[in-house]
Amino acid sequence: MNSERTPEDEQESVGASLSSESTASSESAAEAGPDEVSSPGVDSGAASSKDERSSKDERSSKDESAPKEEKRAEPKKAKPSPVLPSAAPASAQDADVLPTAKSVTDDVPFDWYVIRVQSGREDTLSSKISKKLQLVGHDRFVRSVVVPKQKISEVRDGKKRVREMKLYPGYFFMEMQLVEEIWYLLRDTPGVGDFVGGGAKPIPMTASEVKRLNDVLEERERDEPPEIKIEVDKNDTVKIKEGPFENFEGVVEEVHPAKGQVRVMVTIFGRETPVDLEYWQVEKV
């Protein structure tokens, strides 16, 4: 006998079917495990990370492909003009370049200059400079290279002798047309210093200085007896080395270079007595 299905029975059947499908879906998800379940959040982060790496790779490739800037070579500095170093600022006149051997004219005067050299080597270096000027053919620009001296008479070990004494130790003098080549020749010679006077550019001696130098050189040429060098001065205490007053001590009262004598006040029998002696008979105490 067939029973008829009511609308309420059909609704209960549909609800049971939906319930069983939901339960089956839940069980299959549990059996699949956590590794097989995809998370929307994780997929989004991975995509973002890939995008950043891709962007960096693109920038790196652009940098590598961009042409590198080449360093420009710095221009070479021009050779400085021949001027001497000086602490004082050079004026516009000092900054003028010296004439060269090819450009010098007869209008350039022959002037006297003072050059510093190593003390004790004045004769050696002045002679060396003269020879170098001859070798390079620039001696036509130089008239004189001198080391001023004076003849001195002195006594050593009881013997009188004459010697030459340098008036300006550490210097020699040149009369010349100063050209660039001579400036470099002097500068490049070991033992030779710079020019005396002036700032950046060498300045020649004045007329009065040249006159005094010429007087010294002329006096040297005269056949006059050498000047006697007396190494004691007035009021010096001295000891007598020879003669009847040997080993006496006294005080120098007068000095006579022309005669080569000194007057010494010596105490004899309790009284001061003036005694005239040769300059070599006394020595400083």
C-alpha atoms as a PDB file:
ATOM      1  CA  MET A   1       0.000   0.000   0.000  1.00  0.00           C
ATOM      2  CA  ASN A   2       1.667   3.210  -1.133  1.00  0.00           C
ATOM      3  CA  SER A   3       1.615   6.125   1.276  1.00  0.00           C
ATOM      4  CA  GLU A   4       1.569   9.672  -0.093  1.00  0.00           C
ATOM      5  CA  ARG A   5       4.504  12.149   0.748  1.00  0.00           C
ATOM      6  CA  THR A   6       3.464  15.356   2.355  1.00  0.00           C
ATOM      7  CA  PRO A   7       5.224  18.710   1.829  1.00  0.00           C
ATOM      8  CA  GLU A   8       6.683  18.506   5.350  1.00  0.00           C
ATOM      9  CA  ASP A   9       8.327  15.161   4.524  1.00  0.00           C
ATOM     10  CA  GLU A  10       9.995  16.624   1.418  1.00  0.00           C
ATOM     11  CA  GLN A  11      11.462  19.563   3.376  1.00  0.00           C
ATOM     12  CA  GLU A  12      12.960  17.185   5.989  1.00  0.00           C
ATOM     13  CA  SER A  13      14.574  15.124   3.189  1.00  0.00           C
ATOM     14  CA  VAL A  14      16.198  18.184   1.562  1.00  0.00           C
ATOM     15  CA  GLY A  15      17.591  19.380   4.934  1.00  0.00           C
ATOM     16  CA  ALA A  16      19.117  15.970   5.668  1.00  0.00           C
ATOM     17  CA  SER A  17      20.796  15.930   2.244  1.00  0.00           C
ATOM     18  CA  LEU A  18      22.345  19.394   2.788  1.00  0.00           C
ATOM     19  CA  SER A  19      23.597  18.381   6.229  1.00  0.00           C
ATOM     20  CA  SER A  20      25.294  15.240   4.917  1.00  0.00           C
ATOM     21  CA  GLU A  21      27.037  17.185   2.104  1.00  0.00           C
ATOM     22  CA  SER A  22      28.395  19.760   4.606  1.00  0.00           C
ATOM     23  CA  THR A  23      29.724  16.978   6.880  1.00  0.00           C
ATOM     24  CA  ALA A  24      31.461  15.255   3.944  1.00  0.00           C
ATOM     25  CA  SER A  25      33.113  18.502   2.869  1.00  0.00           C
ATOM     26  CA  SER A  26      34.462  19.085   6.389  1.00  0.00           C
ATOM     27  CA  GLU A  27      35.882  15.570   6.642  1.00  0.00           C
ATOM     28  CA  SER A  28      37.665  15.810   3.284  1.00  0.00           C
ATOM     29  CA  ALA A  29      39.285  19.132   4.307  1.00  0.00           C
ATOM     30  CA  ALA A  30      40.545  17.561   7.549  1.00  0.00           C
ATOM     31  CA  GLU A  31      42.011  14.574   5.682  1.00  0.00           C
ATOM     32  CA  ALA A  32      43.830  16.828   3.219  1.00  0.00           C
ATOM     33  CA  GLY A  33      46.000  18.430   6.053  1.00  0.00           C
ATOM     34  CA  PRO A  34      47.304  21.911   6.578  1.00  0.00           C
ATOM     35  CA  ASP A  35      49.799  21.783   3.697  1.00  0.00           C
ATOM     36  CA  GLU A  36      47.140  21.337   1.036  1.00  0.00           C
ATOM     37  CA  VAL A  37      44.979  24.195   2.292  1.00  0.00           C
ATOM     38  CA  SER A  38      45.870  27.485   0.548  1.00  0.00           C
ATOM     39  CA  SER A  39      45.756  30.759   2.455  1.00  0.00           C
ATOM     40  CA  PRO A  40      44.860  33.943   0.630  1.00  0.00           C
ATOM     41  CA  GLY A  41      47.097  35.987   2.940  1.00  0.00           C
ATOM     42  CA  VAL A  42      50.221  33.896   2.243  1.00  0.00           C
ATOM     43  CA  ASP A  43      49.719  34.039  -1.513  1.00  0.00           C
ATOM     44  CA  SER A  44      49.505  37.858  -1.389  1.00  0.00           C
ATOM     45  CA  GLY A  45      52.810  38.203   0.603  1.00  0.00           C
ATOM     46  CA  ALA A  46      54.694  35.896  -1.762  1.00  0.00           C
ATOM     47  CA  ALA A  47      53.474  37.870  -4.726  1.00  0.00           C
ATOM     48  CA  SER A  48      54.622  41.134  -3.101  1.00  0.00           C
ATOM     49  CA  SER A  49      58.097  39.695  -2.407  1.00  0.00           C
ATOM     50  CA  LYS A  50      58.435  38.545  -5.995  1.00  0.00           C
ATOM     51  CA  ASP A  51      57.455  41.983  -7.260  1.00  0.00           C
ATOM     52  CA  GLU A  52      60.183  43.652  -5.121  1.00  0.00           C
ATOM     53  CA  ARG A  53      62.885  41.260  -6.353  1.00  0.00           C
ATOM     54  CA  SER A  54      61.764  41.811  -9.919  1.00  0.00           C
ATOM     55  CA  SER A  55      61.967  45.599  -9.450  1.00  0.00           C
ATOM     56  CA  LYS A  56      65.489  45.373  -7.999  1.00  0.00           C
ATOM     57  CA  ASP A  57      66.667  43.162 -10.862  1.00  0.00           C
ATOM     58  CA  GLU A  58      65.312  45.678 -13.368  1.00  0.00           C
ATOM     59  CA  ARG A  59      67.135  48.595 -11.653  1.00  0.00           C
ATOM     60  CA  SER A  60      70.385  46.593 -11.463  1.00  0.00           C
ATOM     61  CA  SER A  61      70.216  45.736 -15.138  1.00  0.00           C
ATOM     62  CA  LYS A  62      69.587  49.392 -16.012  1.00  0.00           C
ATOM     63  CA  ASP A  63      72.599  50.508 -13.946  1.00  0.00           C
ATOM     64  CA  GLU A  64      74.828  47.950 -15.619  1.00  0.00           C
ATOM     65  CA  SER A  65      73.619  48.872 -19.059  1.00  0.00           C
ATOM     66  CA  ALA A  66      74.072  52.625 -18.465  1.00  0.00           C
ATOM     67  CA  PRO A  67      77.414  53.938 -19.855  1.00  0.00           C
ATOM     68  CA  LYS A  68      80.003  54.772 -17.178  1.00  0.00           C
ATOM     69  CA  GLU A  69      81.373  58.327 -17.028  1.00  0.00           C
ATOM     70  CA  GLU A  70      85.050  58.525 -17.917  1.00  0.00           C
ATOM     71  CA  LYS A  71      87.345  60.615 -15.687  1.00  0.00           C
ATOM     72  CA  ARG A  72      88.699  63.605 -17.500  1.00  0.00           C
ATOM     73  CA  ALA A  73      92.473  63.993 -17.356  1.00  0.00           C
ATOM     74  CA  GLU A  74      93.540  67.140 -15.548  1.00  0.00           C
ATOM     75  CA  PRO A  75      95.410  69.605 -17.746  1.00  0.00           C
ATOM     76  CA  LYS A  76      99.147  69.819 -17.108  1.00  0.00           C
ATOM     77  CA  LYS A  77     100.282  72.862 -15.183  1.00  0.00           C
ATOM     78  CA  ALA A  78     102.438  75.332 -17.023  1.00  0.00           C
ATOM     79  CA  LYS A  79     106.109  75.603 -16.024  1.00  0.00           C
ATOM     80  CA  PRO A  80     106.520  78.438 -13.507  1.00  0.00           C
ATOM     81  CA  SER A  81     108.439  81.512 -14.540  1.00  0.00           C
ATOM     82  CA  PRO A  82     111.936  81.888 -13.037  1.00  0.00           C
ATOM     83  CA  VAL A  83     111.214  83.777  -9.854  1.00  0.00           C
ATOM     84  CA  LEU A  84     112.744  83.149  -6.478  1.00  0.00           C
ATOM     85  CA  PRO A  85     110.573  82.074  -3.507  1.00  0.00           C
ATOM     86  CA  SER A  86     109.844  84.892  -1.114  1.00  0.00           C
ATOM     87  CA  ALA A  87     107.666  85.327   1.954  1.00  0.00           C
ATOM     88  CA  ALA A  88     106.794  88.860   0.837  1.00  0.00           C
ATOM     89  CA  PRO A  89     104.136  89.231  -1.900  1.00  0.00           C
ATOM     90  CA  ALA A  90     105.621  89.987  -5.279  1.00  0.00           C
ATOM     91  CA  SER A  91     104.679  93.216  -6.984  1.00  0.00           C
ATOM     92  CA  ALA A  92     103.710  93.505 -10.631  1.00  0.00           C
ATOM     93  CA  GLN A  93     107.285  94.477 -11.463  1.00  0.00           C
ATOM     94  CA  ASP A  94     108.692  91.466  -9.589  1.00  0.00           C
ATOM     95  CA  ALA A  95     106.412  89.175 -11.562  1.00  0.00           C
ATOM     96  CA  ASP A  96     108.043  90.128 -14.894  1.00  0.00           C
ATOM     97  CA  VAL A  97     109.695  87.190 -16.602  1.00  0.00           C
ATOM     98  CA  LEU A  98     113.462  87.403 -17.023  1.00  0.00           C
ATOM     99  CA  PRO A  99     114.741  87.784 -20.608  1.00  0.00           C
ATOM    100  CA  THR A 100     116.174  84.695 -22.272  1.00  0.00           C
ATOM    101  CA  ALA A 101     119.579  84.401 -23.907  1.00  0.00           C
ATOM    102  CA  LYS A 102     117.922  84.668 -27.338  1.00  0.00           C
ATOM    103  CA  SER A 103     115.696  87.624 -26.530  1.00  0.00           C
ATOM    104  CA  VAL A 104     118.154  89.754 -24.530  1.00  0.00           C
ATOM    105  CA  THR A 105     119.189  93.011 -26.166  1.00  0.00           C
ATOM    106  CA  ASP A 106     121.952  95.536 -25.663  1.00  0.00           C
ATOM    107  CA  ASP A 107     119.509  97.663 -23.686  1.00  0.00           C
ATOM    108  CA  VAL A 108     119.706  95.224 -20.753  1.00  0.00           C
ATOM    109  CA  PRO A 109     122.360  96.688 -18.409  1.00  0.00           C
ATOM    110  CA  PHE A 110     125.214  94.852 -16.719  1.00  0.00           C
ATOM    111  CA  ASP A 111     124.352  95.002 -13.021  1.00  0.00           C
ATOM    112  CA  TRP A 112     126.015  93.691  -9.882  1.00  0.00           C
ATOM    113  CA  TYR A 113     124.212  90.945  -7.934  1.00  0.00           C
ATOM    114  CA  VAL A 114     125.005  89.276  -4.618  1.00  0.00           C
ATOM    115  CA  ILE A 115     124.562  85.499  -4.428  1.00  0.00           C
ATOM    116  CA  ARG A 116     124.460  83.430  -1.243  1.00  0.00           C
ATOM    117  CA  VAL A 117     126.659  80.345  -1.188  1.00  0.00           C
ATOM    118  CA  GLN A 118     127.734  77.722   1.298  1.00  0.00           C
ATOM    119  CA  SER A 119     130.186  79.277   3.749  1.00  0.00           C
ATOM    120  CA  GLY A 120     133.761  78.183   3.196  1.00  0.00           C
ATOM    121  CA  ARG A 121     133.148  77.299  -0.473  1.00  0.00           C
ATOM    122  CA  GLU A 122     133.042  80.804  -1.948  1.00  0.00           C
ATOM    123  CA  ASP A 123     136.160  80.335  -4.124  1.00  0.00           C
ATOM    124  CA  THR A 124     135.251  76.808  -5.245  1.00  0.00           C
ATOM    125  CA  LEU A 125     131.674  77.638  -6.204  1.00  0.00           C
ATOM    126  CA  SER A 126     132.469  80.933  -7.933  1.00  0.00           C
ATOM    127  CA  SER A 127     135.096  79.126 -10.036  1.00  0.00           C
ATOM    128  CA  LYS A 128     132.628  76.334 -10.800  1.00  0.00           C
ATOM    129  CA  ILE A 129     129.998  78.830 -11.942  1.00  0.00           C
ATOM    130  CA  SER A 130     132.502  80.539 -14.260  1.00  0.00           C
ATOM    131  CA  LYS A 131     133.435  77.229 -15.889  1.00  0.00           C
ATOM    132  CA  LYS A 132     129.797  76.191 -16.368  1.00  0.00           C
ATOM    133  CA  LEU A 133     129.018  79.547 -17.992  1.00  0.00           C
ATOM    134  CA  GLN A 134     131.866  79.018 -20.465  1.00  0.00           C
ATOM    135  CA  LEU A 135     130.727  75.489 -21.285  1.00  0.00           C
ATOM    136  CA  VAL A 136     127.169  76.539 -22.168  1.00  0.00           C
ATOM    137  CA  GLY A 137     128.278  79.715 -23.952  1.00  0.00           C
ATOM    138  CA  HIS A 138     126.646  82.176 -21.543  1.00  0.00           C
ATOM    139  CA  ASP A 139     129.870  83.759 -20.305  1.00  0.00           C
ATOM    140  CA  ARG A 140     129.217  86.653 -22.722  1.00  0.00           C
ATOM    141  CA  PHE A 141     126.503  87.841 -20.350  1.00  0.00           C
ATOM    142  CA  VAL A 142     128.908  87.961 -17.351  1.00  0.00           C
ATOM    143  CA  ARG A 143     131.721  90.448 -16.822  1.00  0.00           C
ATOM    144  CA  SER A 144     132.965  89.511 -13.363  1.00  0.00           C
ATOM    145  CA  VAL A 145     132.608  86.834 -10.681  1.00  0.00           C
ATOM    146  CA  VAL A 146     134.485  87.925  -7.556  1.00  0.00           C
ATOM    147  CA  VAL A 147     134.992  86.983  -3.917  1.00  0.00           C
ATOM    148  CA  PRO A 148     136.197  90.183  -2.163  1.00  0.00           C
ATOM    149  CA  LYS A 149     139.241  89.598   0.044  1.00  0.00           C
ATOM    150  CA  GLN A 150     141.727  91.542   2.077  1.00  0.00           C
ATOM    151  CA  LYS A 151     145.351  90.784   2.877  1.00  0.00           C
ATOM    152  CA  ILE A 152     146.043  90.327   6.573  1.00  0.00           C
ATOM    153  CA  SER A 153     149.386  90.030   8.352  1.00  0.00           C
ATOM    154  CA  GLU A 154     149.406  87.818  11.426  1.00  0.00           C
ATOM    155  CA  VAL A 155     151.795  85.877  13.622  1.00  0.00           C
ATOM    156  CA  ARG A 156     151.267  82.246  14.537  1.00  0.00           C
ATOM    157  CA  ASP A 157     153.685  80.123  16.518  1.00  0.00           C
ATOM    158  CA  GLY A 158     156.107  83.030  16.561  1.00  0.00           C
ATOM    159  CA  LYS A 159     156.126  83.346  12.763  1.00  0.00           C
ATOM    160  CA  LYS A 160     154.728  86.257  10.830  1.00  0.00           C
ATOM    161  CA  ARG A 161     152.750  85.509   7.709  1.00  0.00           C
ATOM    162  CA  VAL A 162     150.350  87.185   5.281  1.00  0.00           C
ATOM    163  CA  ARG A 163     147.017  85.634   4.361  1.00  0.00           C
ATOM    164  CA  GLU A 164     143.839  86.664   2.558  1.00  0.00           C
ATOM    165  CA  MET A 165     140.639  87.051   4.537  1.00  0.00           C
ATOM    166  CA  LYS A 166     137.205  86.990   2.930  1.00  0.00           C
ATOM    167  CA  LEU A 167     135.355  90.239   3.584  1.00  0.00           C
ATOM    168  CA  TYR A 168     131.909  88.707   3.045  1.00  0.00           C
ATOM    169  CA  PRO A 169     131.923  85.042   4.078  1.00  0.00           C
ATOM    170  CA  GLY A 170     129.053  83.105   2.488  1.00  0.00           C
ATOM    171  CA  TYR A 171     128.664  85.370  -0.574  1.00  0.00           C
ATOM    172  CA  PHE A 172     130.138  86.097  -3.982  1.00  0.00           C
ATOM    173  CA  PHE A 173     129.392  88.899  -6.459  1.00  0.00           C
ATOM    174  CA  MET A 174     128.522  88.787 -10.159  1.00  0.00           C
ATOM    175  CA  GLU A 175     128.376  91.608 -12.696  1.00  0.00           C
ATOM    176  CA  MET A 176     126.106  90.411 -15.498  1.00  0.00           C
ATOM    177  CA  GLN A 177     123.051  90.707 -17.686  1.00  0.00           C
ATOM    178  CA  LEU A 178     120.711  88.454 -15.730  1.00  0.00           C
ATOM    179  CA  VAL A 179     118.975  86.126 -18.184  1.00  0.00           C
ATOM    180  CA  GLU A 180     116.703  83.172 -17.488  1.00  0.00           C
ATOM    181  CA  GLU A 181     119.358  80.574 -18.372  1.00  0.00           C
ATOM    182  CA  ILE A 182     121.856  81.966 -15.819  1.00  0.00           C
ATOM    183  CA  TRP A 183     119.131  82.098 -13.177  1.00  0.00           C
ATOM    184  CA  TYR A 184     118.471  78.371 -13.673  1.00  0.00           C
ATOM    185  CA  LEU A 185     122.196  77.569 -13.813  1.00  0.00           C
ATOM    186  CA  LEU A 186     122.763  79.207 -10.429  1.00  0.00           C
ATOM    187  CA  ARG A 187     119.680  77.643  -8.878  1.00  0.00           C
ATOM    188  CA  ASP A 188     120.603  74.128 -10.031  1.00  0.00           C
ATOM    189  CA  THR A 189     124.199  74.273  -8.738  1.00  0.00           C
ATOM    190  CA  PRO A 190     124.568  72.504  -5.348  1.00  0.00           C
ATOM    191  CA  GLY A 191     125.870  74.841  -2.661  1.00  0.00           C
ATOM    192  CA  VAL A 192     124.570  77.987  -4.357  1.00  0.00           C
ATOM    193  CA  GLY A 193     121.630  79.727  -2.683  1.00  0.00           C
ATOM    194  CA  ASP A 194     119.410  82.565  -3.805  1.00  0.00           C
ATOM    195  CA  PHE A 195     119.996  86.215  -4.640  1.00  0.00           C
ATOM    196  CA  VAL A 196     120.317  88.801  -1.894  1.00  0.00           C
ATOM    197  CA  GLY A 197     117.699  91.561  -1.826  1.00  0.00           C
ATOM    198  CA  GLY A 198     114.360  92.000  -3.465  1.00  0.00           C
ATOM    199  CA  GLY A 199     111.244  89.878  -3.382  1.00  0.00           C
ATOM    200  CA  ALA A 200     110.393  87.427  -6.138  1.00  0.00           C
ATOM    201  CA  LYS A 201     112.695  88.889  -8.797  1.00  0.00           C
ATOM    202  CA  PRO A 202     116.436  89.426  -8.107  1.00  0.00           C
ATOM    203  CA  ILE A 203     117.285  93.080  -7.546  1.00  0.00           C
ATOM    204  CA  PRO A 204     120.773  94.403  -8.381  1.00  0.00           C
ATOM    205  CA  MET A 205     122.996  96.339  -6.000  1.00  0.00           C
ATOM    206  CA  THR A 206     122.502 100.074  -5.666  1.00  0.00           C
ATOM    207  CA  ALA A 207     124.996 102.601  -7.014  1.00  0.00           C
ATOM    208  CA  SER A 208     126.395 103.336  -3.520  1.00  0.00           C
ATOM    209  CA  GLU A 209     126.861  99.620  -2.808  1.00  0.00           C
ATOM    210  CA  VAL A 210     128.664  99.142  -6.114  1.00  0.00           C
ATOM    211  CA  LYS A 211     130.980 102.062  -5.309  1.00  0.00           C
ATOM    212  CA  ARG A 212     131.970 100.549  -1.954  1.00  0.00           C
ATOM    213  CA  LEU A 213     132.613  97.200  -3.616  1.00  0.00           C
ATOM    214  CA  ASN A 214     134.786  98.806  -6.289  1.00  0.00           C
ATOM    215  CA  ASP A 215     136.777 100.640  -3.609  1.00  0.00           C
ATOM    216  CA  VAL A 216     137.501  97.331  -1.907  1.00  0.00           C
ATOM    217  CA  LEU A 217     138.551  95.708  -5.163  1.00  0.00           C
ATOM    218  CA  GLU A 218     140.775  98.647  -6.122  1.00  0.00           C
ATOM    219  CA  GLU A 219     142.442  98.695  -2.724  1.00  0.00           C
ATOM    220  CA  ARG A 220     143.266  95.035  -3.119  1.00  0.00           C
ATOM    221  CA  GLU A 221     145.092  95.772  -6.379  1.00  0.00           C
ATOM    222  CA  ARG A 222     147.340  98.404  -4.827  1.00  0.00           C
ATOM    223  CA  ASP A 223     150.853  97.410  -3.708  1.00  0.00           C
ATOM    224  CA  GLU A 224     150.316  98.473  -0.121  1.00  0.00           C
ATOM    225  CA  PRO A 225     151.571  96.625   2.918  1.00  0.00           C
ATOM    226  CA  PRO A 226     148.908  94.286   4.241  1.00  0.00           C
ATOM    227  CA  GLU A 227     146.807  95.412   7.136  1.00  0.00           C
ATOM    228  CA  ILE A 228     147.859  93.893  10.415  1.00  0.00           C
ATOM    229  CA  LYS A 229     145.159  91.987  12.205  1.00  0.00           C
ATOM    230  CA  ILE A 230     145.324  92.634  15.940  1.00  0.00           C
ATOM    231  CA  GLU A 231     143.069  90.347  17.919  1.00  0.00           C
ATOM    232  CA  VAL A 232     142.998  92.420  21.121  1.00  0.00           C
ATOM    233  CA  ASP A 233     140.996  95.554  21.849  1.00  0.00           C
ATOM    234  CA  LYS A 234     141.235  98.398  24.301  1.00  0.00           C
ATOM    235  CA  ASN A 235     140.488  97.437  27.943  1.00  0.00           C
ATOM    236  CA  ASP A 236     141.175  93.731  27.262  1.00  0.00           C
ATOM    237  CA  THR A 237     143.189  91.880  29.906  1.00  0.00           C
ATOM    238  CA  VAL A 238     146.233  90.288  28.289  1.00  0.00           C
ATOM    239  CA  LYS A 239     149.258  88.203  29.202  1.00  0.00           C
ATOM    240  CA  ILE A 240     152.716  89.014  27.839  1.00  0.00           C
ATOM    241  CA  LYS A 241     154.257  86.003  26.069  1.00  0.00           C
ATOM    242  CA  GLU A 242     157.771  87.261  25.220  1.00  0.00           C
ATOM    243  CA  GLY A 243     160.310  89.877  26.249  1.00  0.00           C
ATOM    244  CA  PRO A 244     161.517  91.231  29.603  1.00  0.00           C
ATOM    245  CA  PHE A 245     157.937  91.314  30.955  1.00  0.00           C
ATOM    246  CA  GLU A 246     157.124  87.723  30.043  1.00  0.00           C
ATOM    247  CA  ASN A 247     154.246  86.221  32.103  1.00  0.00           C
ATOM    248  CA  PHE A 248     153.158  89.673  33.325  1.00  0.00           C
ATOM    249  CA  GLU A 249     149.511  90.530  32.998  1.00  0.00           C
ATOM    250  CA  GLY A 250     148.064  93.937  32.188  1.00  0.00           C
ATOM    251  CA  VAL A 251     145.252  95.867  30.547  1.00  0.00           C
ATOM    252  CA  VAL A 252     145.393  97.140  26.948  1.00  0.00           C
ATOM    253  CA  GLU A 253     145.323 100.941  26.936  1.00  0.00           C
ATOM    254  CA  GLU A 254     145.934 101.659  23.229  1.00  0.00           C
ATOM    255  CA  VAL A 255     145.956  99.734  19.932  1.00  0.00           C
ATOM    256  CA  HIS A 256     148.033 100.900  16.894  1.00  0.00           C
ATOM    257  CA  PRO A 257     147.155  98.709  13.858  1.00  0.00           C
ATOM    258  CA  ALA A 258     149.389 100.686  11.472  1.00  0.00           C
ATOM    259  CA  LYS A 259     152.431 100.009  13.619  1.00  0.00           C
ATOM    260  CA  GLY A 260     151.322  96.609  14.749  1.00  0.00           C
ATOM    261  CA  GLN A 261     151.784  97.597  18.386  1.00  0.00           C
ATOM    262  CA  VAL A 262     149.739  97.755  21.588  1.00  0.00           C
ATOM    263  CA  ARG A 263     150.296  99.696  24.812  1.00  0.00           C
ATOM    264  CA  VAL A 264     149.670  97.687  27.951  1.00  0.00           C
ATOM    265  CA  MET A 265     149.497  98.991  31.526  1.00  0.00           C
ATOM    266  CA  VAL A 266     151.600  96.625  33.625  1.00  0.00           C
ATOM    267  CA  THR A 267     151.966  96.775  37.430  1.00  0.00           C
ATOM    268  CA  ILE A 268     155.670  96.916  38.302  1.00  0.00           C
ATOM    269  CA  PHE A 269     156.749  97.284  41.949  1.00  0.00           C
ATOM    270  CA  GLY A 270     153.235  98.256  42.878  1.00  0.00           C
ATOM    271  CA  ARG A 271     152.945 100.949  40.245  1.00  0.00           C
ATOM    272  CA  GLU A 272     151.152 100.857  36.873  1.00  0.00           C
ATOM    273  CA  THR A 273     153.625 101.373  34.050  1.00  0.00           C
ATOM    274  CA  PRO A 274     152.800 101.683  30.300  1.00  0.00           C
ATOM    275  CA  VAL A 275     154.697  99.215  28.129  1.00  0.00           C
ATOM    276  CA  ASP A 276     154.716  99.255  24.306  1.00  0.00           C
ATOM    277  CA  LEU A 277     154.745  95.762  22.805  1.00  0.00           C
ATOM    278  CA  GLU A 278     154.404  94.087  19.433  1.00  0.00           C
ATOM    279  CA  TYR A 279     150.872  92.821  18.901  1.00  0.00           C
ATOM    280  CA  TRP A 280     152.083  89.227  18.640  1.00  0.00           C
ATOM    281  CA  GLN A 281     153.779  89.442  22.070  1.00  0.00           C
ATOM    282  CA  VAL A 282     150.437  89.452  23.930  1.00  0.00           C
ATOM    283  CA  GLU A 283     147.420  87.204  24.135  1.00  0.00           C
ATOM    284  CA  LYS A 284     144.005  87.493  25.734  1.00  0.00           C
ATOM    285  CA  VAL A 285     143.567  86.022  29.165  1.00  0.00           C
END
